[in-house]
Amino acid sequence: MAKILDVVAANDAISLHASGESITKQTVAELLASVKGTTFAALCSVTPVKTAAAFKDLDIRKVSVSNVQLFNNLKEYTDVYQNAVNRSAGVDDFQKSNSWFHHTDCFPVVEHNTNGKHYIWAIFNHADSMYIKDGVEMTTAQVAEYLTPSEAKKMLEPSSKVYNATNDLEHDVIVRTIGLDNVVWVRAVGLMVSK
């Protein structure tokens, strides 16, 4: 797949992220108002990289442009994640565990159960990511040097499958929740909203 990000675009996203403005639940709801079910979307996010304690003062940012599926106006009984995992794993009895969040009246925006923070919830199909430190691109190997050993291993040896121990099954459904404060822009249904 062709690379979407370059250093200029990544630094532009970091600047926009630093503006202090946020995409809101209302903004996402308005963007997806016409969506019945699912739509493909693109989103750009900027997240700080959590380094090992010895490097806590380093500011490394991960900038990602992702192709995702967003959902809206679903029937109450529809469980998107459970259905997707059942299809991926070839089963019909996947049991979801309790979660730290709940879906709001705008389905792709979830709210933390205890602190009220909002996140965008999406199934991720593909992401083009870049790591930036002081305006300069870093390789994943360079970033891994600043992580704990376990996080470095995850970064350098990513798995293409998700293993669910509770259900003892593997699937390829990648769901991520990204804080709305880290989302720089979302493009869907021919429209784009940004910070």
N, C-alpha and C. Protein backbone atom coordinates (compact mmCIF):
# COMPACT_ATOMS: atom_id res chain seq x y z
N MET A 1 0.84 -1.18 0.00
CA MET A 1 0.00 0.00 0.00
C MET A 1 0.88 1.24 0.00
N ALA A 2 0.49 2.22 -0.74
CA ALA A 2 1.28 3.45 -0.86
C ALA A 2 1.30 4.22 0.45
N LYS A 3 2.42 4.87 0.69
CA LYS A 3 2.58 5.67 1.89
C LYS A 3 1.74 6.93 1.77
N ILE A 4 0.99 7.23 2.83
CA ILE A 4 0.11 8.40 2.84
C ILE A 4 0.80 9.59 3.49
N LEU A 5 1.54 9.31 4.55
CA LEU A 5 2.17 10.36 5.34
C LEU A 5 3.57 10.68 4.85
N ASP A 6 3.94 11.94 4.97
CA ASP A 6 5.33 12.34 4.84
C ASP A 6 5.63 13.23 6.04
N VAL A 7 6.87 13.63 6.20
CA VAL A 7 7.28 14.40 7.38
C VAL A 7 6.55 15.74 7.45
N VAL A 8 6.35 16.38 6.32
CA VAL A 8 5.64 17.67 6.32
C VAL A 8 4.21 17.48 6.81
N ALA A 9 3.50 16.49 6.27
CA ALA A 9 2.11 16.24 6.69
C ALA A 9 2.05 15.85 8.16
N ALA A 10 3.01 15.05 8.62
CA ALA A 10 3.04 14.63 10.02
C ALA A 10 3.25 15.83 10.94
N ASN A 11 4.19 16.71 10.58
CA ASN A 11 4.43 17.90 11.40
C ASN A 11 3.24 18.86 11.36
N ASP A 12 2.56 18.95 10.21
CA ASP A 12 1.34 19.76 10.13
C ASP A 12 0.28 19.21 11.09
N ALA A 13 0.14 17.90 11.13
CA ALA A 13 -0.83 17.27 12.03
C ALA A 13 -0.48 17.55 13.49
N ILE A 14 0.81 17.49 13.81
CA ILE A 14 1.26 17.77 15.18
C ILE A 14 0.94 19.22 15.54
N SER A 15 1.16 20.15 14.62
CA SER A 15 0.84 21.56 14.87
C SER A 15 -0.66 21.75 15.10
N LEU A 16 -1.46 21.10 14.27
CA LEU A 16 -2.91 21.20 14.42
C LEU A 16 -3.35 20.60 15.75
N HIS A 17 -2.73 19.50 16.11
CA HIS A 17 -3.04 18.84 17.39
C HIS A 17 -2.73 19.75 18.56
N ALA A 18 -1.67 20.52 18.45
CA ALA A 18 -1.24 21.41 19.54
C ALA A 18 -2.12 22.66 19.65
N SER A 19 -3.05 22.84 18.73
CA SER A 19 -3.88 24.05 18.73
C SER A 19 -4.76 24.18 19.96
N GLY A 20 -4.99 23.06 20.64
CA GLY A 20 -5.81 23.09 21.84
C GLY A 20 -7.28 22.86 21.57
N GLU A 21 -7.70 22.90 20.32
CA GLU A 21 -9.09 22.63 19.98
C GLU A 21 -9.29 21.12 19.89
N SER A 22 -10.54 20.69 19.99
CA SER A 22 -10.85 19.27 19.90
C SER A 22 -12.04 19.02 19.01
N ILE A 23 -12.02 17.87 18.40
CA ILE A 23 -13.21 17.38 17.72
C ILE A 23 -14.13 16.89 18.84
N THR A 24 -15.41 17.17 18.72
CA THR A 24 -16.35 16.82 19.78
C THR A 24 -17.28 15.70 19.35
N LYS A 25 -17.98 15.16 20.31
CA LYS A 25 -18.99 14.15 20.03
C LYS A 25 -20.04 14.72 19.06
N GLN A 26 -20.41 15.96 19.28
CA GLN A 26 -21.41 16.61 18.43
C GLN A 26 -20.91 16.73 16.99
N THR A 27 -19.64 17.07 16.82
CA THR A 27 -19.05 17.18 15.48
C THR A 27 -19.11 15.85 14.75
N VAL A 28 -18.76 14.77 15.46
CA VAL A 28 -18.79 13.43 14.86
C VAL A 28 -20.24 13.05 14.52
N ALA A 29 -21.16 13.34 15.44
CA ALA A 29 -22.58 13.03 15.20
C ALA A 29 -23.10 13.74 13.95
N GLU A 30 -22.74 15.01 13.81
CA GLU A 30 -23.18 15.76 12.63
C GLU A 30 -22.56 15.21 11.35
N LEU A 31 -21.30 14.84 11.40
CA LEU A 31 -20.62 14.27 10.23
C LEU A 31 -21.31 12.98 9.78
N LEU A 32 -21.72 12.16 10.73
CA LEU A 32 -22.26 10.84 10.41
C LEU A 32 -23.78 10.77 10.41
N ALA A 33 -24.44 11.91 10.49
CA ALA A 33 -25.90 11.94 10.60
C ALA A 33 -26.60 11.15 9.49
N SER A 34 -26.05 11.16 8.29
CA SER A 34 -26.70 10.47 7.17
C SER A 34 -26.33 8.99 7.07
N VAL A 35 -25.42 8.52 7.90
CA VAL A 35 -24.94 7.13 7.81
C VAL A 35 -25.94 6.20 8.49
N LYS A 36 -26.35 5.19 7.77
CA LYS A 36 -27.21 4.13 8.30
C LYS A 36 -26.40 2.85 8.28
N GLY A 37 -25.85 2.46 9.40
CA GLY A 37 -25.04 1.26 9.48
C GLY A 37 -23.57 1.59 9.52
N THR A 38 -22.86 1.27 8.43
CA THR A 38 -21.41 1.45 8.41
C THR A 38 -20.98 2.35 7.26
N THR A 39 -19.85 3.02 7.46
CA THR A 39 -19.22 3.78 6.39
C THR A 39 -17.71 3.68 6.56
N PHE A 40 -17.01 3.72 5.44
CA PHE A 40 -15.56 3.79 5.51
C PHE A 40 -15.17 5.24 5.72
N ALA A 41 -14.14 5.45 6.47
CA ALA A 41 -13.69 6.80 6.80
C ALA A 41 -12.17 6.80 6.92
N ALA A 42 -11.62 7.99 6.91
CA ALA A 42 -10.19 8.17 7.18
C ALA A 42 -10.10 9.08 8.40
N LEU A 43 -9.13 8.80 9.24
CA LEU A 43 -8.92 9.69 10.36
C LEU A 43 -7.44 9.85 10.62
N CYS A 44 -7.09 11.03 11.09
CA CYS A 44 -5.71 11.35 11.43
C CYS A 44 -5.64 11.59 12.93
N SER A 45 -4.67 10.95 13.57
CA SER A 45 -4.51 11.12 15.01
C SER A 45 -3.05 11.38 15.34
N VAL A 46 -2.86 12.08 16.45
CA VAL A 46 -1.52 12.34 16.98
C VAL A 46 -1.55 11.91 18.43
N THR A 47 -0.70 10.94 18.77
CA THR A 47 -0.66 10.46 20.15
C THR A 47 0.78 10.47 20.67
N PRO A 48 0.93 10.84 21.94
CA PRO A 48 2.26 10.78 22.54
C PRO A 48 2.68 9.33 22.73
N VAL A 49 3.94 9.05 22.52
CA VAL A 49 4.47 7.70 22.73
C VAL A 49 4.88 7.59 24.20
N LYS A 50 4.36 6.57 24.87
CA LYS A 50 4.70 6.35 26.27
C LYS A 50 6.05 5.65 26.33
N THR A 51 7.05 6.39 26.75
CA THR A 51 8.41 5.86 26.82
C THR A 51 8.65 5.19 28.18
N ALA A 52 9.77 4.49 28.28
CA ALA A 52 10.19 3.93 29.56
C ALA A 52 10.49 5.09 30.51
N ALA A 53 10.41 4.83 31.80
CA ALA A 53 10.58 5.88 32.82
C ALA A 53 11.88 6.67 32.65
N ALA A 54 12.94 6.00 32.25
CA ALA A 54 14.24 6.67 32.10
C ALA A 54 14.22 7.74 31.00
N PHE A 55 13.23 7.65 30.10
CA PHE A 55 13.15 8.59 28.97
C PHE A 55 11.86 9.40 29.00
N LYS A 56 11.27 9.55 30.19
CA LYS A 56 9.95 10.18 30.30
C LYS A 56 9.92 11.62 29.81
N ASP A 57 11.07 12.29 29.74
CA ASP A 57 11.10 13.68 29.29
C ASP A 57 11.16 13.82 27.76
N LEU A 58 11.32 12.71 27.04
CA LEU A 58 11.35 12.78 25.58
C LEU A 58 9.94 12.95 25.03
N ASP A 59 9.81 13.77 24.03
CA ASP A 59 8.52 13.99 23.39
C ASP A 59 8.54 13.37 22.00
N ILE A 60 8.03 12.14 21.92
CA ILE A 60 7.92 11.43 20.64
C ILE A 60 6.43 11.31 20.35
N ARG A 61 6.04 11.66 19.14
CA ARG A 61 4.64 11.61 18.73
C ARG A 61 4.45 10.58 17.62
N LYS A 62 3.37 9.84 17.73
CA LYS A 62 2.98 8.93 16.66
C LYS A 62 1.85 9.60 15.89
N VAL A 63 2.07 9.80 14.60
CA VAL A 63 1.05 10.39 13.74
C VAL A 63 0.55 9.27 12.83
N SER A 64 -0.75 9.11 12.80
CA SER A 64 -1.34 8.04 11.98
C SER A 64 -2.46 8.58 11.12
N VAL A 65 -2.51 8.11 9.89
CA VAL A 65 -3.67 8.30 9.02
C VAL A 65 -4.20 6.90 8.78
N SER A 66 -5.45 6.69 9.20
CA SER A 66 -6.02 5.34 9.21
C SER A 66 -7.27 5.24 8.37
N ASN A 67 -7.43 4.10 7.73
CA ASN A 67 -8.66 3.75 7.03
C ASN A 67 -9.46 2.92 8.02
N VAL A 68 -10.67 3.39 8.35
CA VAL A 68 -11.46 2.75 9.41
C VAL A 68 -12.90 2.56 8.96
N GLN A 69 -13.62 1.78 9.74
CA GLN A 69 -15.06 1.65 9.58
C GLN A 69 -15.71 2.33 10.79
N LEU A 70 -16.63 3.26 10.51
CA LEU A 70 -17.41 3.90 11.55
C LEU A 70 -18.86 3.46 11.40
N PHE A 71 -19.57 3.43 12.51
CA PHE A 71 -20.94 2.92 12.51
C PHE A 71 -21.87 3.96 13.12
N ASN A 72 -23.11 3.99 12.63
CA ASN A 72 -24.07 4.96 13.13
C ASN A 72 -25.47 4.45 12.87
N ASN A 73 -26.42 4.94 13.64
CA ASN A 73 -27.84 4.60 13.49
C ASN A 73 -28.06 3.10 13.42
N LEU A 74 -27.50 2.38 14.38
CA LEU A 74 -27.63 0.93 14.42
C LEU A 74 -28.87 0.54 15.22
N LYS A 75 -29.37 -0.65 14.94
CA LYS A 75 -30.46 -1.18 15.76
C LYS A 75 -29.88 -1.46 17.14
N GLU A 76 -30.68 -1.29 18.16
CA GLU A 76 -30.19 -1.43 19.54
C GLU A 76 -29.50 -2.75 19.81
N TYR A 77 -29.98 -3.82 19.23
CA TYR A 77 -29.43 -5.14 19.53
C TYR A 77 -28.19 -5.48 18.70
N THR A 78 -27.78 -4.63 17.80
CA THR A 78 -26.62 -4.91 16.95
C THR A 78 -25.34 -4.76 17.75
N ASP A 79 -24.52 -5.79 17.78
CA ASP A 79 -23.22 -5.70 18.42
C ASP A 79 -22.16 -5.85 17.33
N VAL A 80 -21.68 -4.73 16.86
CA VAL A 80 -20.75 -4.68 15.73
C VAL A 80 -19.51 -5.52 16.00
N TYR A 81 -18.90 -5.33 17.15
CA TYR A 81 -17.66 -6.04 17.48
C TYR A 81 -17.89 -7.55 17.56
N GLN A 82 -18.90 -7.95 18.28
CA GLN A 82 -19.19 -9.38 18.43
C GLN A 82 -19.47 -10.02 17.06
N ASN A 83 -20.25 -9.36 16.24
CA ASN A 83 -20.54 -9.89 14.91
C ASN A 83 -19.28 -10.00 14.05
N ALA A 84 -18.42 -8.97 14.11
CA ALA A 84 -17.19 -8.98 13.31
C ALA A 84 -16.25 -10.10 13.77
N VAL A 85 -16.12 -10.29 15.08
CA VAL A 85 -15.25 -11.36 15.58
C VAL A 85 -15.81 -12.73 15.20
N ASN A 86 -17.11 -12.90 15.34
CA ASN A 86 -17.72 -14.18 14.94
C ASN A 86 -17.41 -14.49 13.48
N ARG A 87 -17.54 -13.50 12.59
CA ARG A 87 -17.23 -13.71 11.16
C ARG A 87 -15.75 -14.04 10.96
N SER A 88 -14.89 -13.26 11.60
CA SER A 88 -13.45 -13.44 11.42
C SER A 88 -12.96 -14.79 11.93
N ALA A 89 -13.46 -15.20 13.09
CA ALA A 89 -13.00 -16.45 13.71
C ALA A 89 -13.78 -17.67 13.23
N GLY A 90 -14.84 -17.44 12.46
CA GLY A 90 -15.64 -18.57 11.97
C GLY A 90 -16.42 -19.26 13.08
N VAL A 91 -16.89 -18.48 14.06
CA VAL A 91 -17.68 -19.02 15.16
C VAL A 91 -18.99 -18.24 15.24
N ASP A 92 -19.86 -18.70 16.12
CA ASP A 92 -21.09 -17.93 16.32
C ASP A 92 -21.40 -17.69 17.79
N ASP A 93 -20.41 -17.95 18.65
CA ASP A 93 -20.67 -17.83 20.08
C ASP A 93 -19.61 -17.01 20.83
N PHE A 94 -18.93 -16.09 20.15
CA PHE A 94 -17.95 -15.23 20.82
C PHE A 94 -18.62 -14.44 21.92
N GLN A 95 -18.04 -14.46 23.10
CA GLN A 95 -18.58 -13.72 24.24
C GLN A 95 -17.65 -12.57 24.58
N LYS A 96 -18.20 -11.36 24.50
CA LYS A 96 -17.45 -10.15 24.81
C LYS A 96 -17.29 -10.00 26.32
N SER A 97 -16.13 -9.48 26.71
CA SER A 97 -15.91 -9.16 28.13
C SER A 97 -16.46 -7.77 28.41
N ASN A 98 -16.62 -7.46 29.69
CA ASN A 98 -17.03 -6.10 30.06
C ASN A 98 -15.94 -5.13 29.64
N SER A 99 -16.34 -3.91 29.38
CA SER A 99 -15.42 -2.91 28.86
C SER A 99 -15.29 -1.73 29.80
N TRP A 100 -14.24 -0.95 29.62
CA TRP A 100 -14.00 0.25 30.42
C TRP A 100 -14.77 1.45 29.88
N PHE A 101 -15.50 1.26 28.78
CA PHE A 101 -16.25 2.35 28.16
C PHE A 101 -17.65 1.88 27.80
N HIS A 102 -18.49 2.84 27.42
CA HIS A 102 -19.81 2.53 26.88
C HIS A 102 -20.07 3.44 25.68
N HIS A 103 -20.85 2.94 24.72
CA HIS A 103 -21.19 3.72 23.54
C HIS A 103 -22.18 4.81 23.95
N THR A 104 -22.04 5.96 23.32
CA THR A 104 -22.95 7.07 23.58
C THR A 104 -24.08 7.04 22.55
N ASP A 105 -24.93 8.07 22.56
CA ASP A 105 -25.99 8.14 21.56
C ASP A 105 -25.42 8.36 20.15
N CYS A 106 -24.16 8.74 20.05
CA CYS A 106 -23.42 8.77 18.79
C CYS A 106 -22.50 7.56 18.83
N PHE A 107 -22.91 6.44 18.24
CA PHE A 107 -22.26 5.13 18.42
C PHE A 107 -20.74 5.15 18.33
N PRO A 108 -20.11 5.80 17.34
CA PRO A 108 -18.65 5.72 17.27
C PRO A 108 -17.92 6.54 18.33
N VAL A 109 -18.65 7.28 19.12
CA VAL A 109 -18.02 8.01 20.23
C VAL A 109 -18.38 7.27 21.51
N VAL A 110 -17.35 6.77 22.19
CA VAL A 110 -17.56 6.06 23.45
C VAL A 110 -17.09 6.95 24.60
N GLU A 111 -17.63 6.65 25.77
CA GLU A 111 -17.30 7.44 26.95
C GLU A 111 -16.70 6.52 28.01
N HIS A 112 -15.62 6.96 28.62
CA HIS A 112 -14.98 6.22 29.71
C HIS A 112 -15.99 6.05 30.84
N ASN A 113 -16.08 4.86 31.41
CA ASN A 113 -17.08 4.58 32.44
C ASN A 113 -16.89 5.38 33.71
N THR A 114 -15.67 5.81 34.02
CA THR A 114 -15.46 6.52 35.29
C THR A 114 -15.07 7.98 35.15
N ASN A 115 -14.33 8.35 34.09
CA ASN A 115 -13.88 9.74 34.03
C ASN A 115 -14.61 10.59 32.98
N GLY A 116 -15.49 9.98 32.19
CA GLY A 116 -16.29 10.74 31.23
C GLY A 116 -15.58 11.19 29.97
N LYS A 117 -14.31 10.80 29.79
CA LYS A 117 -13.56 11.20 28.59
C LYS A 117 -14.14 10.50 27.36
N HIS A 118 -14.15 11.21 26.23
CA HIS A 118 -14.68 10.66 24.98
C HIS A 118 -13.57 10.16 24.07
N TYR A 119 -13.87 9.08 23.37
CA TYR A 119 -12.95 8.43 22.43
C TYR A 119 -13.72 8.11 21.16
N ILE A 120 -13.01 8.01 20.05
CA ILE A 120 -13.64 7.52 18.83
C ILE A 120 -13.36 6.02 18.76
N TRP A 121 -14.39 5.25 18.50
CA TRP A 121 -14.33 3.79 18.44
C TRP A 121 -14.50 3.39 16.99
N ALA A 122 -13.54 2.63 16.48
CA ALA A 122 -13.60 2.25 15.06
C ALA A 122 -12.93 0.90 14.85
N ILE A 123 -13.35 0.24 13.79
CA ILE A 123 -12.63 -0.95 13.32
C ILE A 123 -11.60 -0.45 12.33
N PHE A 124 -10.34 -0.79 12.57
CA PHE A 124 -9.23 -0.30 11.76
C PHE A 124 -8.89 -1.31 10.68
N ASN A 125 -8.84 -0.82 9.44
CA ASN A 125 -8.50 -1.66 8.30
C ASN A 125 -7.03 -1.53 7.93
N HIS A 126 -6.53 -0.32 7.99
CA HIS A 126 -5.14 -0.05 7.62
C HIS A 126 -4.73 1.29 8.24
N ALA A 127 -3.48 1.39 8.64
CA ALA A 127 -2.97 2.66 9.15
C ALA A 127 -1.57 2.90 8.61
N ASP A 128 -1.31 4.14 8.24
CA ASP A 128 0.03 4.58 7.86
C ASP A 128 0.50 5.47 9.00
N SER A 129 1.54 5.04 9.69
CA SER A 129 2.00 5.77 10.87
C SER A 129 3.44 6.21 10.72
N MET A 130 3.74 7.28 11.45
CA MET A 130 5.09 7.84 11.44
C MET A 130 5.38 8.35 12.85
N TYR A 131 6.60 8.17 13.29
CA TYR A 131 7.03 8.67 14.59
C TYR A 131 7.87 9.92 14.37
N ILE A 132 7.59 10.96 15.17
CA ILE A 132 8.27 12.24 15.01
C ILE A 132 8.83 12.68 16.37
N LYS A 133 10.10 13.10 16.36
CA LYS A 133 10.73 13.70 17.54
C LYS A 133 11.45 14.95 17.06
N ASP A 134 11.10 16.08 17.66
CA ASP A 134 11.70 17.37 17.29
C ASP A 134 11.61 17.64 15.79
N GLY A 135 10.47 17.28 15.20
CA GLY A 135 10.24 17.56 13.79
C GLY A 135 10.87 16.58 12.82
N VAL A 136 11.56 15.57 13.34
CA VAL A 136 12.30 14.61 12.50
C VAL A 136 11.69 13.22 12.63
N GLU A 137 11.57 12.53 11.49
CA GLU A 137 11.02 11.17 11.50
C GLU A 137 11.98 10.21 12.19
N MET A 138 11.43 9.30 12.97
CA MET A 138 12.20 8.22 13.61
C MET A 138 11.70 6.88 13.06
N THR A 139 12.57 5.92 12.98
CA THR A 139 12.16 4.57 12.59
C THR A 139 11.57 3.87 13.81
N THR A 140 10.85 2.79 13.58
CA THR A 140 10.31 2.04 14.71
C THR A 140 11.44 1.48 15.57
N ALA A 141 12.55 1.08 14.96
CA ALA A 141 13.69 0.58 15.73
C ALA A 141 14.26 1.68 16.63
N GLN A 142 14.32 2.90 16.14
CA GLN A 142 14.81 4.01 16.97
C GLN A 142 13.86 4.28 18.13
N VAL A 143 12.57 4.28 17.86
CA VAL A 143 11.58 4.52 18.92
C VAL A 143 11.65 3.40 19.95
N ALA A 144 11.78 2.16 19.50
CA ALA A 144 11.81 1.01 20.41
C ALA A 144 12.92 1.12 21.45
N GLU A 145 14.00 1.81 21.12
CA GLU A 145 15.10 1.97 22.07
C GLU A 145 14.68 2.75 23.32
N TYR A 146 13.60 3.52 23.22
CA TYR A 146 13.14 4.35 24.34
C TYR A 146 11.96 3.74 25.09
N LEU A 147 11.56 2.53 24.74
CA LEU A 147 10.41 1.87 25.35
C LEU A 147 10.84 0.82 26.35
N THR A 148 9.88 0.35 27.13
CA THR A 148 10.16 -0.80 28.00
C THR A 148 10.40 -2.00 27.09
N PRO A 149 11.10 -3.02 27.57
CA PRO A 149 11.36 -4.19 26.73
C PRO A 149 10.08 -4.83 26.16
N SER A 150 9.03 -4.92 26.96
CA SER A 150 7.80 -5.56 26.47
C SER A 150 7.13 -4.71 25.38
N GLU A 151 7.11 -3.39 25.56
CA GLU A 151 6.52 -2.52 24.55
C GLU A 151 7.37 -2.49 23.28
N ALA A 152 8.69 -2.54 23.43
CA ALA A 152 9.57 -2.59 22.27
C ALA A 152 9.33 -3.86 21.46
N LYS A 153 9.14 -4.98 22.15
CA LYS A 153 8.87 -6.24 21.46
C LYS A 153 7.56 -6.17 20.68
N LYS A 154 6.52 -5.58 21.29
CA LYS A 154 5.24 -5.43 20.59
C LYS A 154 5.39 -4.57 19.34
N MET A 155 6.21 -3.52 19.45
CA MET A 155 6.39 -2.62 18.31
C MET A 155 7.18 -3.29 17.19
N LEU A 156 8.22 -4.03 17.55
CA LEU A 156 9.10 -4.61 16.55
C LEU A 156 8.60 -5.94 15.99
N GLU A 157 7.72 -6.61 16.74
CA GLU A 157 7.18 -7.90 16.30
C GLU A 157 5.66 -7.90 16.39
N PRO A 158 4.99 -7.03 15.65
CA PRO A 158 3.53 -6.96 15.76
C PRO A 158 2.86 -8.23 15.24
N SER A 159 1.76 -8.58 15.86
CA SER A 159 1.01 -9.75 15.45
C SER A 159 -0.08 -9.34 14.47
N SER A 160 -0.33 -10.18 13.49
CA SER A 160 -1.39 -9.88 12.53
C SER A 160 -2.73 -10.42 13.01
N LYS A 161 -2.72 -11.17 14.09
CA LYS A 161 -3.94 -11.75 14.66
C LYS A 161 -4.10 -11.30 16.09
N VAL A 162 -5.34 -11.27 16.54
CA VAL A 162 -5.66 -10.96 17.94
C VAL A 162 -6.04 -12.27 18.60
N TYR A 163 -5.41 -12.58 19.74
CA TYR A 163 -5.77 -13.79 20.48
C TYR A 163 -6.64 -13.40 21.66
N ASN A 164 -7.81 -14.01 21.76
CA ASN A 164 -8.71 -13.77 22.88
C ASN A 164 -8.66 -15.01 23.76
N ALA A 165 -8.03 -14.86 24.94
CA ALA A 165 -7.85 -16.00 25.84
C ALA A 165 -9.16 -16.48 26.44
N THR A 166 -10.06 -15.56 26.75
CA THR A 166 -11.34 -15.94 27.36
C THR A 166 -12.11 -16.90 26.47
N ASN A 167 -12.11 -16.63 25.18
CA ASN A 167 -12.84 -17.48 24.23
C ASN A 167 -11.93 -18.48 23.52
N ASP A 168 -10.63 -18.41 23.79
CA ASP A 168 -9.62 -19.27 23.16
C ASP A 168 -9.79 -19.28 21.63
N LEU A 169 -9.69 -18.06 21.05
CA LEU A 169 -9.79 -17.97 19.60
C LEU A 169 -8.95 -16.81 19.08
N GLU A 170 -8.59 -16.92 17.81
CA GLU A 170 -7.87 -15.86 17.12
C GLU A 170 -8.80 -15.22 16.09
N HIS A 171 -8.62 -13.91 15.94
CA HIS A 171 -9.39 -13.19 14.93
C HIS A 171 -8.54 -12.02 14.42
N ASP A 172 -9.05 -11.35 13.40
CA ASP A 172 -8.27 -10.24 12.83
C ASP A 172 -9.02 -8.90 12.90
N VAL A 173 -9.94 -8.79 13.86
CA VAL A 173 -10.71 -7.56 14.03
C VAL A 173 -9.92 -6.62 14.94
N ILE A 174 -9.48 -5.51 14.38
CA ILE A 174 -8.71 -4.53 15.15
C ILE A 174 -9.61 -3.35 15.47
N VAL A 175 -10.02 -3.27 16.72
CA VAL A 175 -10.81 -2.13 17.19
C VAL A 175 -9.90 -1.28 18.05
N ARG A 176 -9.94 0.02 17.80
CA ARG A 176 -9.15 0.93 18.63
C ARG A 176 -10.06 2.04 19.12
N THR A 177 -9.70 2.55 20.28
CA THR A 177 -10.37 3.73 20.82
C THR A 177 -9.30 4.80 20.96
N ILE A 178 -9.52 5.92 20.29
CA ILE A 178 -8.55 7.01 20.31
C ILE A 178 -9.23 8.22 20.93
N GLY A 179 -8.59 8.79 21.94
CA GLY A 179 -9.16 9.97 22.59
C GLY A 179 -9.51 11.04 21.56
N LEU A 180 -10.72 11.61 21.67
CA LEU A 180 -11.11 12.64 20.70
C LEU A 180 -10.12 13.80 20.72
N ASP A 181 -9.47 14.04 21.86
CA ASP A 181 -8.48 15.12 21.92
C ASP A 181 -7.24 14.80 21.09
N ASN A 182 -7.06 13.54 20.68
CA ASN A 182 -5.92 13.15 19.84
C ASN A 182 -6.29 13.04 18.37
N VAL A 183 -7.57 13.17 18.04
CA VAL A 183 -8.02 13.09 16.65
C VAL A 183 -7.88 14.47 16.01
N VAL A 184 -7.13 14.53 14.94
CA VAL A 184 -6.88 15.80 14.25
C VAL A 184 -7.95 16.07 13.21
N TRP A 185 -8.32 15.05 12.43
CA TRP A 185 -9.40 15.19 11.46
C TRP A 185 -10.03 13.84 11.17
N VAL A 186 -11.28 13.90 10.70
CA VAL A 186 -12.02 12.72 10.27
C VAL A 186 -12.66 13.07 8.92
N ARG A 187 -12.52 12.16 7.97
CA ARG A 187 -13.13 12.34 6.64
C ARG A 187 -14.05 11.16 6.38
N ALA A 188 -15.32 11.46 6.13
CA ALA A 188 -16.31 10.42 5.84
C ALA A 188 -17.44 11.04 5.03
N VAL A 189 -18.15 10.23 4.30
CA VAL A 189 -19.29 10.62 3.46
C VAL A 189 -19.02 11.88 2.66
N GLY A 190 -17.81 12.01 2.15
CA GLY A 190 -17.45 13.15 1.31
C GLY A 190 -17.22 14.45 2.07
N LEU A 191 -17.19 14.39 3.39
CA LEU A 191 -16.99 15.58 4.22
C LEU A 191 -15.81 15.37 5.15
N MET A 192 -15.28 16.47 5.67
CA MET A 192 -14.16 16.37 6.60
C MET A 192 -14.38 17.35 7.74
N VAL A 193 -14.10 16.88 8.96
CA VAL A 193 -14.10 17.76 10.12
C VAL A 193 -12.71 17.72 10.72
N SER A 194 -12.27 18.83 11.24
CA SER A 194 -10.93 18.88 11.83
C SER A 194 -10.94 19.81 13.02
N LYS A 195 -9.82 19.76 13.75
CA LYS A 195 -9.65 20.64 14.91
C LYS A 195 -9.65 22.07 14.47
